[in-house]
Protein backbone atom coordinates (compact mmCIF):
# COMPACT_ATOMS: atom_id res chain seq x y z
CA MET A 1 16.47 45.83 -19.58
CA TYR A 2 18.48 47.19 -22.56
CA LEU A 3 22.02 45.45 -21.66
CA LYS A 4 20.38 42.49 -21.28
CA LEU A 5 18.60 42.38 -24.66
CA LYS A 6 22.00 43.47 -25.94
CA ILE A 7 23.49 40.59 -24.65
CA ILE A 8 21.01 38.21 -25.89
CA LEU A 9 21.11 39.47 -29.33
CA LEU A 10 24.84 38.79 -29.93
CA ILE A 11 24.31 35.28 -28.34
CA PHE A 12 22.31 34.42 -30.99
CA ILE A 13 24.44 36.22 -33.86
CA CYS A 14 27.34 34.40 -32.18
CA SER A 15 25.55 31.06 -32.15
CA LEU A 16 24.23 31.68 -36.01
CA ALA A 17 28.10 32.69 -37.07
CA LEU A 18 29.16 29.25 -35.18
CA GLY A 19 26.74 27.29 -36.98
CA SER A 20 27.11 28.63 -40.92
CA TYR A 21 30.48 26.83 -41.63
CA ASN A 22 30.39 25.11 -44.97
CA ILE A 23 32.34 22.28 -46.51
CA GLU A 24 33.39 23.67 -49.79
CA SER A 25 34.59 20.54 -51.25
CA ILE A 26 35.30 16.54 -50.32
CA SER A 27 38.16 14.44 -51.98
CA VAL A 28 38.97 11.07 -51.33
CA SER A 29 42.61 9.48 -52.25
CA GLN A 30 44.92 6.56 -51.33
CA ILE A 31 48.62 6.26 -50.96
CA LYS A 32 49.21 2.62 -50.44
CA ASP A 33 47.29 1.26 -47.42
CA THR A 34 46.29 4.71 -46.32
CA VAL A 35 43.19 6.50 -47.69
CA LEU A 36 43.01 10.16 -46.99
CA MET A 37 39.81 11.99 -46.99
CA VAL A 38 40.10 15.62 -47.05
CA LEU A 39 37.69 18.34 -45.95
CA GLU A 40 37.96 21.91 -47.71
CA VAL A 41 36.76 23.64 -44.57
CA ASP A 42 37.83 25.68 -41.56
CA SER A 43 40.11 23.95 -39.48
CA SER A 44 38.80 25.09 -36.31
CA VAL A 45 35.23 23.28 -36.93
CA ASP A 46 34.35 20.56 -34.29
CA CYS A 47 35.02 17.00 -35.08
CA ALA A 48 33.17 14.28 -33.47
CA TRP A 49 33.87 10.20 -33.55
CA GLN A 50 31.73 7.50 -33.18
CA TYR A 51 32.88 4.09 -33.07
CA LEU A 52 30.32 1.86 -34.39
CA SER A 53 32.20 -1.23 -34.76
CA LYS A 54 35.28 -2.54 -35.80
CA THR A 55 34.49 -1.55 -39.36
CA SER A 56 32.30 1.14 -39.29
CA LEU A 57 32.53 4.27 -37.61
CA ARG A 58 30.31 7.77 -37.93
CA LEU A 59 32.00 11.21 -38.36
CA SER A 60 30.19 14.21 -37.32
CA VAL A 61 31.43 17.54 -38.61
CA LYS A 62 30.15 20.96 -37.40
CA ALA A 63 29.40 22.15 -41.08
CA GLN A 64 27.14 21.52 -44.29
CA THR A 65 27.85 20.01 -47.73
CA LYS A 66 25.88 20.50 -50.83
CA THR A 67 27.99 16.99 -51.81
CA LYS A 68 25.46 14.21 -51.65
CA THR A 69 27.81 10.89 -53.11
CA ILE A 70 31.38 10.00 -52.18
CA SER A 71 33.29 7.47 -54.05
CA ALA A 72 35.19 5.05 -51.64
CA ARG A 73 38.42 4.18 -51.99
CA GLY A 74 41.41 1.57 -50.91
CA PHE A 75 40.04 -0.24 -47.76
CA ILE A 76 36.97 1.56 -47.16
CA LYS A 77 33.79 0.08 -48.66
CA GLN A 78 31.30 2.95 -48.39
CA ILE A 79 30.74 6.31 -47.16
CA ARG A 80 27.24 7.37 -46.27
CA ILE A 81 26.60 11.13 -46.16
CA VAL A 82 23.81 12.13 -43.92
CA PRO A 83 22.90 15.85 -43.68
CA LYS A 84 21.71 17.92 -40.47
CA THR A 85 21.39 20.73 -39.44
CA ASN A 86 24.10 22.84 -39.30
CA ALA A 87 26.03 19.72 -39.58
CA THR A 88 27.32 16.59 -41.72
CA ASP A 89 27.45 13.32 -40.56
CA PHE A 90 29.69 10.73 -42.89
CA GLU A 91 29.10 7.02 -42.03
CA LEU A 92 31.79 4.90 -43.10
CA THR A 93 32.21 0.79 -43.69
CA PHE A 94 35.85 -0.53 -44.06
CA ASN A 95 36.51 -4.07 -45.28
CA LYS A 96 38.61 -5.05 -42.57
CA PRO A 97 39.32 -3.26 -38.85
CA TYR A 98 40.46 0.25 -39.03
CA ASP A 99 42.40 3.52 -37.56
CA TYR A 100 42.30 6.65 -38.46
CA LYS A 101 44.19 9.89 -37.70
CA LYS A 102 43.12 13.67 -37.92
CA VAL A 103 45.43 16.11 -39.06
CA LEU A 104 44.84 20.02 -39.16
CA SER A 105 46.21 22.23 -42.15
CA SER A 106 45.30 25.46 -43.47
CA GLY A 107 43.36 23.98 -46.11
CA GLY A 108 40.96 22.26 -43.70
CA ILE A 109 40.75 18.89 -42.17
CA THR A 110 42.54 15.91 -43.38
CA ILE A 111 42.03 12.34 -41.80
CA LYS A 112 43.84 9.34 -42.68
CA PHE A 113 42.67 6.00 -42.61
CA PHE A 114 44.37 2.99 -42.34
CA PRO A 115 44.02 -0.55 -41.59
CA LYS A 116 44.32 -1.93 -38.10
CA ASN A 117 47.44 -4.02 -37.19
CA ILE A 118 46.06 -6.90 -35.35
CA PRO A 119 48.26 -9.22 -34.05
CA THR A 120 48.13 -12.49 -35.86
CA ILE A 121 49.80 -16.14 -35.28
CA LYS A 122 51.92 -17.09 -38.38
CA THR A 123 55.04 -19.36 -36.56
CA ILE A 124 54.57 -22.43 -34.08
CA ILE A 125 57.51 -23.83 -32.74
CA LEU A 126 57.15 -27.08 -31.81
CA ASP A 127 59.54 -28.80 -29.15
CA PRO A 128 59.75 -32.68 -29.08
CA GLY A 129 61.30 -33.13 -25.44
CA HIS A 130 64.54 -35.08 -24.96
CA GLY A 131 66.36 -36.30 -27.61
CA GLY A 132 69.76 -37.97 -27.96
CA ILE A 133 71.83 -38.85 -24.96
CA ASP A 134 68.39 -37.59 -23.03
CA PRO A 135 65.73 -40.17 -23.46
CA GLY A 136 63.35 -38.88 -21.19
CA ALA A 137 60.83 -41.61 -19.22
CA ILE A 138 61.15 -45.29 -20.15
CA GLY A 139 58.51 -47.51 -19.97
CA LYS A 140 58.21 -51.31 -18.90
CA ARG A 141 57.87 -51.92 -22.32
CA GLY A 142 61.07 -50.12 -23.66
CA LEU A 143 59.30 -47.04 -25.08
CA GLN A 144 61.32 -44.21 -24.62
CA GLU A 145 59.70 -40.86 -24.54
CA LYS A 146 62.07 -39.26 -27.18
CA ASN A 147 60.92 -40.74 -29.49
CA VAL A 148 56.95 -40.59 -29.11
CA ASN A 149 57.21 -36.70 -28.52
CA LEU A 150 59.09 -36.62 -31.94
CA SER A 151 56.06 -38.52 -33.64
CA ILE A 152 53.95 -36.45 -31.92
CA ALA A 153 55.33 -33.22 -33.01
CA GLN A 154 56.27 -34.80 -36.44
CA LEU A 155 52.21 -35.29 -36.87
CA LEU A 156 51.29 -32.18 -35.64
CA LYS A 157 53.64 -30.16 -37.86
CA LYS A 158 51.71 -31.65 -40.81
CA LYS A 159 48.45 -30.73 -39.35
CA LEU A 160 49.54 -26.94 -38.72
CA GLU A 161 51.07 -26.78 -42.42
CA LYS A 162 47.98 -27.85 -43.94
CA TYR A 163 46.14 -25.08 -42.28
CA GLY A 164 48.50 -22.55 -43.46
CA LEU A 165 50.89 -21.93 -40.57
CA LYS A 166 54.95 -21.97 -40.68
CA VAL A 167 55.82 -24.77 -38.16
CA LEU A 168 59.22 -24.97 -36.97
CA MET A 169 61.18 -27.79 -34.70
CA THR A 170 63.65 -27.38 -32.26
CA ARG A 171 65.04 -30.98 -33.22
CA SER A 172 63.52 -32.95 -36.23
CA ASP A 173 65.61 -36.26 -35.40
CA ASP A 174 66.69 -38.17 -32.64
CA CYS A 175 69.51 -35.62 -31.68
CA PHE A 176 70.02 -33.50 -28.18
CA VAL A 177 69.32 -30.10 -27.89
CA ALA A 178 70.03 -28.27 -25.16
CA LEU A 179 67.06 -26.66 -22.99
CA SER A 180 68.33 -23.22 -23.00
CA GLU A 181 69.37 -23.87 -27.33
CA ARG A 182 65.43 -24.69 -27.63
CA THR A 183 64.58 -21.25 -26.18
CA ARG A 184 67.15 -19.38 -27.75
CA PHE A 185 65.71 -20.99 -31.24
CA ALA A 186 62.47 -19.75 -30.41
CA ASN A 187 63.14 -16.49 -29.43
CA GLU A 188 65.04 -16.08 -33.01
CA LYS A 189 62.88 -17.36 -35.28
CA LYS A 190 60.46 -15.15 -33.78
CA GLY A 191 57.74 -17.60 -32.46
CA ASP A 192 54.56 -16.74 -31.82
CA LEU A 193 54.25 -19.74 -30.12
CA PHE A 194 56.12 -22.00 -28.22
CA ILE A 195 54.37 -25.54 -27.77
CA SER A 196 56.90 -28.51 -25.33
CA ILE A 197 55.60 -31.92 -25.87
CA HIS A 198 56.31 -34.51 -23.13
CA CYS A 199 55.38 -38.03 -21.93
CA ASN A 200 54.73 -38.45 -18.23
CA ALA A 201 56.06 -41.02 -15.55
CA SER A 202 55.51 -41.68 -12.02
CA ALA A 203 57.45 -43.91 -9.88
CA ARG A 204 55.69 -44.10 -6.80
CA ASN A 205 52.20 -44.28 -8.75
CA ARG A 206 52.16 -46.99 -11.49
CA GLN A 207 48.13 -46.15 -12.07
CA ALA A 208 48.54 -42.53 -12.77
CA CYS A 209 47.72 -41.77 -16.04
CA GLY A 210 45.93 -38.91 -18.08
CA PHE A 211 46.59 -35.69 -20.16
CA GLU A 212 48.24 -32.33 -18.45
CA THR A 213 48.90 -28.98 -19.72
CA TYR A 214 51.59 -26.58 -18.21
CA PHE A 215 52.24 -22.92 -18.33
CA LEU A 216 54.80 -21.39 -17.30
CA SER A 217 54.33 -19.96 -13.39
CA GLU A 218 55.20 -20.74 -9.77
CA ALA A 219 54.37 -24.62 -8.80
CA LYS A 220 51.59 -24.67 -6.26
CA THR A 221 51.32 -28.46 -5.60
CA ASP A 222 53.78 -31.07 -4.85
CA TRP A 223 53.02 -32.59 -7.97
CA GLU A 224 53.69 -29.83 -10.37
CA ARG A 225 57.12 -29.42 -8.35
CA ALA A 226 57.83 -32.86 -8.96
CA VAL A 227 56.95 -32.86 -12.62
CA ALA A 228 59.17 -30.10 -13.07
CA ALA A 229 62.45 -31.09 -11.48
CA LYS A 230 61.55 -34.60 -13.94
CA GLU A 231 61.92 -32.23 -17.41
CA ASN A 232 64.13 -30.09 -15.67
CA GLN A 233 66.56 -33.12 -15.00
CA SER A 234 67.62 -33.07 -18.86
CA LEU A 235 70.34 -30.00 -17.54
CA GLN A 236 72.30 -32.56 -16.33
CA PHE A 237 73.14 -33.45 -20.32
CA GLU A 238 74.21 -29.78 -20.78
CA ILE A 239 76.09 -28.37 -17.85
CA SER A 240 78.47 -26.77 -19.95
CA ASN A 241 75.49 -25.44 -22.56
CA VAL A 242 73.35 -23.82 -20.12
CA ASP A 243 72.89 -20.26 -21.34
CA PRO A 244 74.76 -17.71 -18.95
CA LEU A 245 71.71 -15.35 -19.82
CA LEU A 246 69.36 -17.21 -18.06
CA ASN A 247 71.78 -18.86 -15.36
CA ASP A 248 72.30 -15.84 -12.69
CA ASP A 249 69.94 -14.40 -10.58
CA ILE A 250 69.26 -10.82 -12.07
CA SER A 251 68.78 -12.42 -15.33
CA THR A 252 65.89 -14.98 -13.93
CA ILE A 253 64.24 -11.91 -12.63
CA LEU A 254 64.41 -10.21 -15.73
CA SER A 255 63.48 -13.16 -17.75
CA ASP A 256 60.75 -14.10 -15.52
CA LEU A 257 59.15 -10.18 -15.99
CA ALA A 258 59.39 -10.81 -19.54
CA GLN A 259 57.33 -13.75 -19.56
CA ASN A 260 54.75 -12.12 -17.49
CA GLU A 261 53.62 -10.23 -20.82
CA TYR A 262 52.36 -13.57 -21.61
CA LEU A 263 50.89 -15.02 -18.78
CA LYS A 264 47.74 -14.64 -19.50
CA GLU A 265 47.96 -16.05 -23.15
CA SER A 266 50.12 -18.95 -22.20
CA TYR A 267 47.05 -19.97 -19.54
CA GLN A 268 44.35 -19.52 -22.16
CA LEU A 269 46.44 -21.60 -24.31
CA ALA A 270 46.98 -24.32 -22.25
CA LEU A 271 43.27 -24.45 -21.26
CA GLU A 272 42.13 -24.56 -24.94
CA ILE A 273 44.61 -27.77 -25.49
CA GLN A 274 43.37 -29.44 -22.28
CA THR A 275 39.56 -28.56 -23.25
CA ALA A 276 40.11 -29.96 -26.69
CA ALA A 277 42.17 -33.22 -24.87
CA VAL A 278 39.00 -33.72 -22.67
CA SER A 279 36.61 -33.55 -25.59
CA ILE A 280 38.65 -35.98 -27.83
CA LEU A 281 41.13 -38.47 -25.57
CA LYS A 282 38.10 -38.67 -23.29
CA ASN A 283 40.58 -40.09 -20.63
CA VAL A 284 41.77 -38.76 -17.68
CA ASP A 285 41.79 -35.11 -17.14
CA ARG A 286 44.68 -33.77 -15.21
CA GLY A 287 43.68 -30.22 -15.93
CA VAL A 288 45.59 -27.25 -16.63
CA LYS A 289 48.72 -26.72 -14.02
CA GLN A 290 51.32 -24.56 -13.57
CA ALA A 291 55.22 -25.05 -13.13
CA GLY A 292 59.02 -23.43 -13.47
CA PHE A 293 59.79 -25.62 -16.41
CA TYR A 294 63.27 -24.11 -17.60
CA VAL A 295 62.58 -24.76 -20.96
CA LEU A 296 59.59 -22.16 -20.90
CA ARG A 297 61.84 -19.61 -18.72
CA GLY A 298 62.90 -16.96 -21.40
CA CYS A 299 60.56 -18.14 -24.07
CA PHE A 300 59.15 -14.55 -25.03
CA MET A 301 55.70 -15.68 -26.62
CA PRO A 302 52.68 -17.50 -25.43
CA ALA A 303 54.24 -20.81 -23.99
CA VAL A 304 53.04 -24.17 -22.65
CA LEU A 305 54.16 -27.60 -22.51
CA VAL A 306 51.92 -30.65 -22.90
CA GLU A 307 52.21 -33.99 -21.39
CA CYS A 308 50.90 -36.60 -23.48
CA GLY A 309 50.36 -39.70 -21.16
CA PHE A 310 52.09 -41.58 -18.46
CA LEU A 311 54.67 -43.98 -19.97
CA SER A 312 54.72 -45.70 -16.00
CA ASN A 313 51.38 -46.76 -16.82
CA LYS A 314 51.25 -49.72 -18.85
CA SER A 315 47.79 -49.19 -20.89
CA GLU A 316 48.82 -45.84 -21.84
CA GLU A 317 52.45 -46.83 -22.71
CA LYS A 318 50.87 -49.82 -24.97
CA LYS A 319 48.51 -46.97 -26.53
CA LEU A 320 51.66 -44.41 -26.94
CA GLN A 321 53.21 -47.05 -29.02
CA SER A 322 50.55 -46.80 -31.13
CA GLU A 323 50.72 -44.41 -34.46
CA LYS A 324 46.81 -44.09 -34.55
CA TYR A 325 47.05 -42.82 -30.72
CA ARG A 326 49.65 -40.45 -31.23
CA GLU A 327 47.92 -39.04 -34.28
CA THR A 328 44.83 -38.39 -31.96
CA ILE A 329 47.01 -36.58 -29.70
CA ALA A 330 48.65 -34.51 -32.29
CA GLN A 331 45.07 -33.89 -33.74
CA THR A 332 43.81 -33.16 -30.06
CA ILE A 333 47.00 -30.40 -30.11
CA PHE A 334 46.05 -28.80 -33.23
CA VAL A 335 42.34 -28.37 -32.08
CA GLY A 336 43.41 -26.62 -28.86
CA ILE A 337 45.71 -24.52 -31.03
CA GLN A 338 43.51 -23.68 -33.71
CA ASN A 339 40.91 -22.67 -30.91
CA PHE A 340 43.04 -20.34 -29.32
CA ILE A 341 44.57 -19.01 -33.06
CA LYS A 342 40.80 -17.58 -33.48
CA ASN A 343 39.99 -16.34 -30.01
CA TYR A 344 43.30 -14.64 -29.95
CA GLU A 345 42.87 -12.81 -33.28
CA GLU A 346 38.66 -11.87 -32.11
CA GLN A 347 40.06 -10.37 -29.31
CA ASN A 348 42.75 -8.58 -30.73
CA ALA A 349 40.73 -7.19 -33.41
CA LEU A 350 38.07 -5.68 -30.98
CA ARG A 351 41.00 -3.91 -28.98
């Protein structure tokens, strides 16, 4: 019995000792974008973190402090001190998404707070399909796909730049650019999105019409394979220019593996553009599709190919001849890109 009382007393004394820590001082300073919060306390004191939101955090320290207020610094908007029994909570509010790192030293505990690096979309690569010796599809009225593609891309470029984005084009006039060079250009310029602009055609069904959006993946239908084959015909003009890095089996596998990293984002981008097309153009919705487009292979960023209409359809060829209609198509793609960027950046801010 006496031994049990000694053990209980010992546990009680230890518990008192564990709860007797004091935070001797608290300082907050700033070095560039990083804010340092230094607690002068025994480094063995327990700290617990509670994520409240992307701009708020609760730090619980098993020690008491006499400090009642702390002035915020840098991107920390407010620091609220909440005293508790044998503990102190610090509730921090930031003016942007944050990250942190705890550093232990003989002088106490230092917490480094710094703005979270959130991936953003800044540079868009627009790729007007075909060009120069490669006219692409040609309508019954003689309208050439290469000219329609360039016109839509130029109209879209203005809208994106007005929105504050940097826009680069794989071609800005009627010149031939190899498919492999388009991809190489996009990667070298460190594009964040790649949009290849095309018009469709169907030799078998002259009534075929509508807007469809593709991302790079294995084709599942005969139509998807046919569209990819038609767009990949541009390779006939560039046999000597085909990038050897994309022209052997091993490199193709490696390229596809790299592209898979952006498969989900490419699908989401295609879906946003197609959704905007349904809402704005109000014509036949041909949906989001997938196929093995050479121009998308090896493009290490979210990438899609849009088919803006059928030049083989007399009615759609007539509409595509109109600059007003091409302006509407440009607005459609712009809205899709805008919605994708908003969702993409919001999702990354929550990670």
